[in-house]
N, C-alpha and C. Protein backbone atom coordinates (compact mmCIF):
# COMPACT_ATOMS: atom_id res chain seq x y z
N MET A 1 1.10 -1.12 -0.01
CA MET A 1 0.12 0.06 -0.08
C MET A 1 0.80 1.14 0.20
N SER A 2 0.36 2.40 -0.80
CA SER A 2 1.06 3.33 -0.91
C SER A 2 0.98 4.17 0.67
N GLU A 3 2.45 5.13 0.83
CA GLU A 3 2.49 5.84 2.43
C GLU A 3 2.06 7.36 1.88
N LEU A 4 1.83 7.50 0.89
CA LEU A 4 1.56 8.74 0.62
C LEU A 4 0.09 9.36 1.48
N PRO A 5 -1.26 8.78 1.42
CA PRO A 5 -1.77 8.86 2.18
C PRO A 5 -1.86 9.05 3.82
N HIS A 6 -1.05 8.09 4.45
CA HIS A 6 -0.59 8.44 5.67
C HIS A 6 0.84 9.41 5.74
N LYS A 7 1.30 10.07 4.87
CA LYS A 7 2.21 11.08 4.94
C LYS A 7 1.59 12.43 5.32
N LEU A 8 0.45 12.37 4.20
CA LEU A 8 -0.17 13.85 4.47
C LEU A 8 -1.51 13.36 5.46
N SER A 9 -1.03 12.60 6.33
CA SER A 9 -2.05 12.74 7.30
C SER A 9 -1.49 13.17 8.62
N LYS A 10 0.12 13.34 8.66
CA LYS A 10 1.00 13.50 9.76
C LYS A 10 1.33 15.29 9.32
N GLY A 11 0.55 16.07 10.09
CA GLY A 11 0.97 17.20 10.37
C GLY A 11 0.39 18.03 8.93
N ASP A 12 0.63 19.32 8.72
CA ASP A 12 -0.09 20.29 7.48
C ASP A 12 1.30 20.51 6.96
N HIS A 13 0.71 20.42 5.49
CA HIS A 13 1.59 20.48 4.43
C HIS A 13 1.21 21.33 3.45
N LYS A 14 1.89 22.18 2.79
CA LYS A 14 2.09 23.49 1.88
C LYS A 14 0.90 22.93 0.71
N VAL A 15 0.13 23.67 0.75
CA VAL A 15 -0.88 23.58 -0.89
C VAL A 15 -1.49 24.71 -1.40
N ILE A 16 -1.64 24.53 -2.85
CA ILE A 16 -2.11 25.64 -3.63
C ILE A 16 -3.41 25.28 -4.48
N PHE A 17 -4.07 26.43 -5.09
CA PHE A 17 -4.91 26.09 -5.65
C PHE A 17 -4.32 26.39 -7.02
N PRO A 18 -4.06 24.47 -7.85
CA PRO A 18 -3.54 24.71 -9.10
C PRO A 18 -4.57 25.17 -10.42
N SER A 19 -4.00 26.70 -10.34
CA SER A 19 -5.12 27.31 -11.45
C SER A 19 -4.26 26.94 -13.07
N ARG A 20 -5.14 26.75 -14.10
CA ARG A 20 -5.05 26.43 -15.17
C ARG A 20 -5.32 27.68 -16.35
N LEU A 21 -5.96 28.68 -15.30
CA LEU A 21 -6.87 29.62 -16.41
C LEU A 21 -5.91 31.08 -15.96
N ASP A 22 -6.40 32.14 -16.40
CA ASP A 22 -5.66 33.46 -16.60
C ASP A 22 -5.96 34.23 -15.30
N ASP A 23 -7.47 34.01 -14.70
CA ASP A 23 -7.67 34.44 -13.44
C ASP A 23 -7.91 33.38 -13.18
N PRO A 24 -6.64 33.07 -11.70
CA PRO A 24 -7.22 31.82 -10.72
C PRO A 24 -7.95 32.27 -9.45
N HIS A 25 -8.39 33.66 -9.11
CA HIS A 25 -9.37 33.96 -8.43
C HIS A 25 -10.78 33.66 -8.61
N GLN A 26 -11.06 34.00 -10.18
CA GLN A 26 -12.12 33.81 -10.60
C GLN A 26 -12.74 31.89 -11.03
N GLU A 27 -11.46 31.30 -11.15
CA GLU A 27 -11.58 29.77 -11.51
C GLU A 27 -11.68 29.22 -10.12
N LEU A 28 -11.25 29.74 -8.94
CA LEU A 28 -11.09 29.09 -8.00
C LEU A 28 -12.90 29.43 -7.50
N GLN A 29 -13.29 30.47 -7.76
CA GLN A 29 -15.12 30.79 -6.81
C GLN A 29 -15.89 30.12 -8.25
N ASP A 30 -15.34 29.89 -9.15
CA ASP A 30 -16.31 29.16 -10.20
C ASP A 30 -16.55 27.88 -9.81
N CYS A 31 -15.11 26.96 -9.35
CA CYS A 31 -14.82 25.71 -9.06
C CYS A 31 -15.99 25.33 -7.46
N ILE A 32 -15.78 26.52 -6.62
CA ILE A 32 -16.54 26.43 -5.28
C ILE A 32 -18.17 26.71 -5.34
N GLY A 33 -18.74 27.49 -6.63
CA GLY A 33 -19.57 27.63 -7.29
C GLY A 33 -20.24 26.21 -8.17
N ARG A 34 -19.02 25.46 -8.22
CA ARG A 34 -19.96 23.88 -8.69
C ARG A 34 -19.79 23.09 -7.47
N ASP A 35 -19.41 23.11 -6.05
CA ASP A 35 -18.90 22.55 -5.14
C ASP A 35 -17.91 21.52 -5.55
N TYR A 36 -16.87 21.72 -6.40
CA TYR A 36 -15.58 20.93 -6.60
C TYR A 36 -14.14 21.32 -6.67
N VAL A 37 -13.34 21.29 -5.84
CA VAL A 37 -11.93 21.87 -5.91
C VAL A 37 -11.06 20.85 -6.28
N HIS A 38 -10.01 21.45 -6.56
CA HIS A 38 -8.56 20.87 -6.76
C HIS A 38 -7.63 21.61 -5.84
N ILE A 39 -6.79 20.47 -5.33
CA ILE A 39 -5.86 21.17 -4.34
C ILE A 39 -4.46 20.65 -4.70
N LYS A 40 -3.46 21.07 -4.22
CA LYS A 40 -2.11 20.41 -4.85
C LYS A 40 -1.14 20.53 -3.48
N PHE A 41 -0.83 19.63 -3.28
CA PHE A 41 0.17 19.33 -2.33
C PHE A 41 1.63 19.27 -2.78
N THR A 42 2.34 20.25 -2.64
CA THR A 42 3.56 20.80 -3.29
C THR A 42 4.87 20.01 -2.86
N GLU A 43 4.88 19.57 -1.72
CA GLU A 43 6.13 18.94 -1.16
C GLU A 43 5.99 17.36 -1.22
N THR A 44 5.11 16.69 -2.44
CA THR A 44 5.24 15.24 -2.41
C THR A 44 6.29 15.51 -3.82
N ARG A 45 6.82 14.29 -4.59
CA ARG A 45 7.48 14.11 -5.62
C ARG A 45 6.70 14.38 -6.47
N GLY A 46 6.84 15.79 -7.69
CA GLY A 46 6.07 16.01 -8.54
C GLY A 46 5.03 16.88 -8.15
N GLY A 47 4.31 16.48 -6.87
CA GLY A 47 3.23 17.36 -6.51
C GLY A 47 2.22 16.42 -6.29
N THR A 48 1.03 16.59 -5.47
CA THR A 48 -0.19 15.36 -5.58
C THR A 48 -1.42 16.50 -5.68
N GLU A 49 -2.11 16.23 -6.85
CA GLU A 49 -3.33 17.10 -7.08
C GLU A 49 -4.70 16.19 -6.71
N LEU A 50 -5.23 16.67 -5.94
CA LEU A 50 -6.39 16.30 -5.39
C LEU A 50 -7.49 16.85 -5.76
N GLY A 51 -8.72 16.06 -6.25
CA GLY A 51 -9.98 16.94 -6.53
C GLY A 51 -11.39 16.14 -5.64
N PHE A 52 -11.90 17.10 -5.36
CA PHE A 52 -12.80 16.68 -4.40
C PHE A 52 -14.10 17.67 -4.24
N ARG A 53 -15.33 16.82 -3.80
CA ARG A 53 -16.44 17.80 -3.30
C ARG A 53 -16.35 18.67 -2.48
N LEU A 54 -16.59 19.30 -2.19
CA LEU A 54 -17.04 20.21 -0.90
C LEU A 54 -18.08 19.81 -0.09
N ASP A 55 -17.56 19.45 1.11
CA ASP A 55 -18.17 19.19 2.14
C ASP A 55 -18.73 20.29 3.04
N PRO A 56 -19.83 21.00 2.92
CA PRO A 56 -20.10 21.98 3.53
C PRO A 56 -20.07 21.94 5.35
N ASP A 57 -20.09 21.16 5.74
CA ASP A 57 -20.22 20.73 6.93
C ASP A 57 -18.71 20.91 7.38
N HIS A 58 -17.78 20.84 6.58
CA HIS A 58 -16.36 20.43 7.16
C HIS A 58 -15.79 22.08 6.37
N SER A 59 -16.01 22.56 5.61
CA SER A 59 -15.74 24.03 4.92
C SER A 59 -16.34 25.17 5.63
N ASP A 60 -15.65 26.31 5.32
CA ASP A 60 -15.80 27.47 5.69
C ASP A 60 -15.29 28.41 5.11
N LEU A 61 -16.18 28.83 3.94
CA LEU A 61 -15.68 30.20 2.80
C LEU A 61 -16.32 31.29 3.17
N ALA A 62 -16.77 31.52 4.37
CA ALA A 62 -17.14 33.06 4.83
C ALA A 62 -16.10 33.74 4.58
N GLY A 63 -15.18 33.77 5.29
CA GLY A 63 -13.97 34.27 4.90
C GLY A 63 -13.23 35.15 3.88
N ALA A 64 -13.90 34.84 2.75
CA ALA A 64 -13.16 35.41 1.50
C ALA A 64 -13.85 36.53 1.12
N ASP A 65 -12.83 37.91 1.20
CA ASP A 65 -13.10 38.83 0.33
C ASP A 65 -12.98 39.00 -1.10
N TRP A 66 -13.78 38.46 -2.08
CA TRP A 66 -13.11 38.17 -3.22
C TRP A 66 -12.80 39.57 -4.30
N ASP A 67 -13.78 40.20 -3.86
CA ASP A 67 -13.50 41.61 -4.51
C ASP A 67 -12.08 42.13 -4.19
N ASN A 68 -12.08 41.83 -3.01
CA ASN A 68 -10.35 42.74 -2.46
C ASN A 68 -9.34 41.48 -2.63
N LYS A 69 -10.00 40.27 -2.66
CA LYS A 69 -8.54 38.90 -3.31
C LYS A 69 -7.73 38.84 -1.48
N SER A 70 -8.57 39.03 -0.66
CA SER A 70 -8.19 38.93 0.78
C SER A 70 -9.07 37.76 1.86
N GLY A 71 -8.43 37.40 2.79
CA GLY A 71 -8.87 36.94 3.66
C GLY A 71 -8.58 35.08 3.28
N LYS A 72 -9.06 34.32 4.32
CA LYS A 72 -8.90 33.05 4.49
C LYS A 72 -10.07 31.99 4.24
N ILE A 73 -9.88 31.06 3.69
CA ILE A 73 -11.32 29.63 3.62
C ILE A 73 -10.61 28.80 3.73
N LYS A 74 -11.67 27.62 4.23
CA LYS A 74 -11.25 26.47 4.53
C LYS A 74 -12.19 25.72 3.35
N MET A 75 -11.68 24.46 2.68
CA MET A 75 -12.14 23.78 1.92
C MET A 75 -11.92 22.12 2.44
N ALA A 76 -12.78 21.86 2.36
CA ALA A 76 -12.76 20.31 2.56
C ALA A 76 -13.89 19.29 1.87
N GLY A 77 -13.26 18.39 2.00
CA GLY A 77 -14.38 17.18 1.24
C GLY A 77 -13.25 15.91 1.28
N ASN A 78 -14.34 14.72 0.96
CA ASN A 78 -14.02 13.11 1.15
C ASN A 78 -13.40 12.72 -0.38
N LEU A 79 -12.45 11.91 -0.52
CA LEU A 79 -12.03 11.36 -1.98
C LEU A 79 -11.58 9.97 -1.52
N THR A 80 -10.63 8.83 -2.01
CA THR A 80 -10.20 7.90 -2.18
C THR A 80 -9.05 8.31 -2.52
N LEU A 81 -7.62 8.04 -1.81
CA LEU A 81 -6.68 8.34 -2.20
C LEU A 81 -5.90 7.01 -2.10
N ASP A 82 -5.26 6.24 -3.16
CA ASP A 82 -4.72 4.98 -3.18
C ASP A 82 -5.49 3.95 -2.16
N TYR A 83 -6.65 3.68 -2.62
CA TYR A 83 -7.78 2.84 -1.77
C TYR A 83 -7.66 2.89 0.02
N VAL A 84 -7.42 3.90 0.20
CA VAL A 84 -7.77 5.04 1.66
C VAL A 84 -8.66 6.08 1.60
N LYS A 85 -9.76 5.99 2.22
CA LYS A 85 -10.86 6.83 2.26
C LYS A 85 -10.22 8.07 3.39
N VAL A 86 -10.57 9.33 2.67
CA VAL A 86 -9.55 10.51 3.56
C VAL A 86 -10.69 11.64 3.13
N ARG A 87 -10.36 12.69 3.80
CA ARG A 87 -10.65 13.65 4.42
C ARG A 87 -9.77 15.22 3.89
N CYS A 88 -9.62 15.62 2.83
CA CYS A 88 -9.06 16.77 2.34
C CYS A 88 -9.31 17.58 3.01
N VAL A 89 -8.45 18.66 3.93
CA VAL A 89 -8.53 20.06 4.59
C VAL A 89 -7.56 20.66 4.24
N ALA A 90 -7.85 21.95 3.49
CA ALA A 90 -7.23 22.77 3.37
C ALA A 90 -7.57 24.45 3.74
N GLU A 91 -6.47 25.04 4.28
CA GLU A 91 -7.00 26.35 4.29
C GLU A 91 -5.86 27.48 3.30
N LEU A 92 -6.47 28.22 2.76
CA LEU A 92 -5.93 28.78 1.50
C LEU A 92 -6.38 30.18 1.88
N ASP A 93 -5.04 31.09 1.63
CA ASP A 93 -5.08 32.54 1.59
C ASP A 93 -5.43 32.97 0.44
N VAL A 94 -6.81 33.94 0.53
CA VAL A 94 -7.33 34.20 -1.18
C VAL A 94 -6.13 35.13 -1.51
N ASP A 95 -5.58 35.85 -1.33
CA ASP A 95 -4.54 36.55 -2.00
C ASP A 95 -3.59 35.92 -3.10
N SER A 96 -2.82 34.91 -1.73
CA SER A 96 -1.82 34.23 -2.86
C SER A 96 -2.25 32.91 -3.21
N LEU A 97 -3.48 32.65 -3.04
CA LEU A 97 -4.08 30.82 -3.27
C LEU A 97 -2.84 29.87 -3.25
N GLU A 98 -2.36 30.47 -1.39
CA GLU A 98 -1.46 29.26 -0.94
C GLU A 98 -1.99 28.97 0.38
N GLY A 99 -1.52 28.07 0.89
CA GLY A 99 -2.05 27.61 2.63
C GLY A 99 -1.30 26.43 2.84
N LEU A 100 -1.82 25.71 3.79
CA LEU A 100 -1.53 24.47 4.65
C LEU A 100 -2.77 23.71 4.72
N GLY A 101 -2.45 22.32 4.28
CA GLY A 101 -3.23 21.21 4.39
C GLY A 101 -2.84 19.95 4.69
N HIS A 102 -3.81 18.97 5.13
CA HIS A 102 -3.91 18.08 5.31
C HIS A 102 -4.76 16.72 5.18
N LEU A 103 -4.56 15.83 5.09
CA LEU A 103 -5.66 14.36 5.04
C LEU A 103 -5.73 13.85 6.25
N ASP A 104 -7.37 13.55 6.72
CA ASP A 104 -7.79 12.73 8.07
C ASP A 104 -8.06 11.65 7.30
N ILE A 105 -7.48 10.66 7.71
CA ILE A 105 -7.83 8.95 7.27
C ILE A 105 -9.15 9.11 7.77
N LEU A 106 -10.01 8.35 6.93
CA LEU A 106 -11.13 7.91 7.54
C LEU A 106 -11.28 6.37 7.62
N GLU A 107 -10.78 5.50 6.49
CA GLU A 107 -11.23 4.37 6.56
C GLU A 107 -10.07 3.72 5.60
N GLU A 108 -9.24 2.88 6.38
CA GLU A 108 -8.53 1.73 5.76
C GLU A 108 -8.74 1.00 4.95
N GLU A 109 -7.78 0.42 3.84
CA GLU A 109 -8.56 -0.47 2.73
C GLU A 109 -8.31 -1.76 3.49
N GLY A 110 -9.85 -2.16 3.31
CA GLY A 110 -10.19 -3.59 3.68
C GLY A 110 -10.55 -3.32 5.15
N ALA A 111 -11.02 -2.15 5.54
CA ALA A 111 -11.44 -2.39 7.05
C ALA A 111 -12.82 -2.21 6.87
N SER A 112 -13.69 -3.37 7.65
CA SER A 112 -14.95 -3.32 7.60
C SER A 112 -15.79 -1.92 8.36
N GLU A 113 -16.57 -1.67 7.75
CA GLU A 113 -17.65 -0.29 8.27
C GLU A 113 -18.86 -1.28 9.47
N ASP A 114 -19.06 -2.52 9.22
CA ASP A 114 -20.03 -3.18 10.45
C ASP A 114 -19.15 -4.46 10.91
N THR A 115 -18.52 -3.78 12.21
CA THR A 115 -17.32 -4.67 12.54
C THR A 115 -18.60 -5.01 13.86
N ALA A 116 -19.73 -5.04 14.46
CA ALA A 116 -20.77 -5.30 15.26
C ALA A 116 -21.16 -6.39 14.65
N ASN A 117 -21.30 -7.92 15.04
CA ASN A 117 -22.50 -8.95 15.23
C ASN A 117 -22.96 -9.54 16.44
């Protein structure tokens, strides 16, 4: 099994919003509007880009001032990375679109959701 989910679940790591368009702030706003974002962990070999549906219960987007490109936002959502169910949590500075993030391990490969009999 890959060690990547476990590595990214230990402490916080540098993350960025990996923009592909000329206006990265508008691109991020559009992604948030679709409830699906990408975050890139930059400190892995070649970087690790993860996409996930935003979980409103674990995200906080109220701190963004898009007009002035300021504030901080927290984006979170669940996904599977190398057969491990995780929650990606990233806090970004709206101006630089950089910040810190980590994974919360939700379930290991082969773990049973129903262990009580």
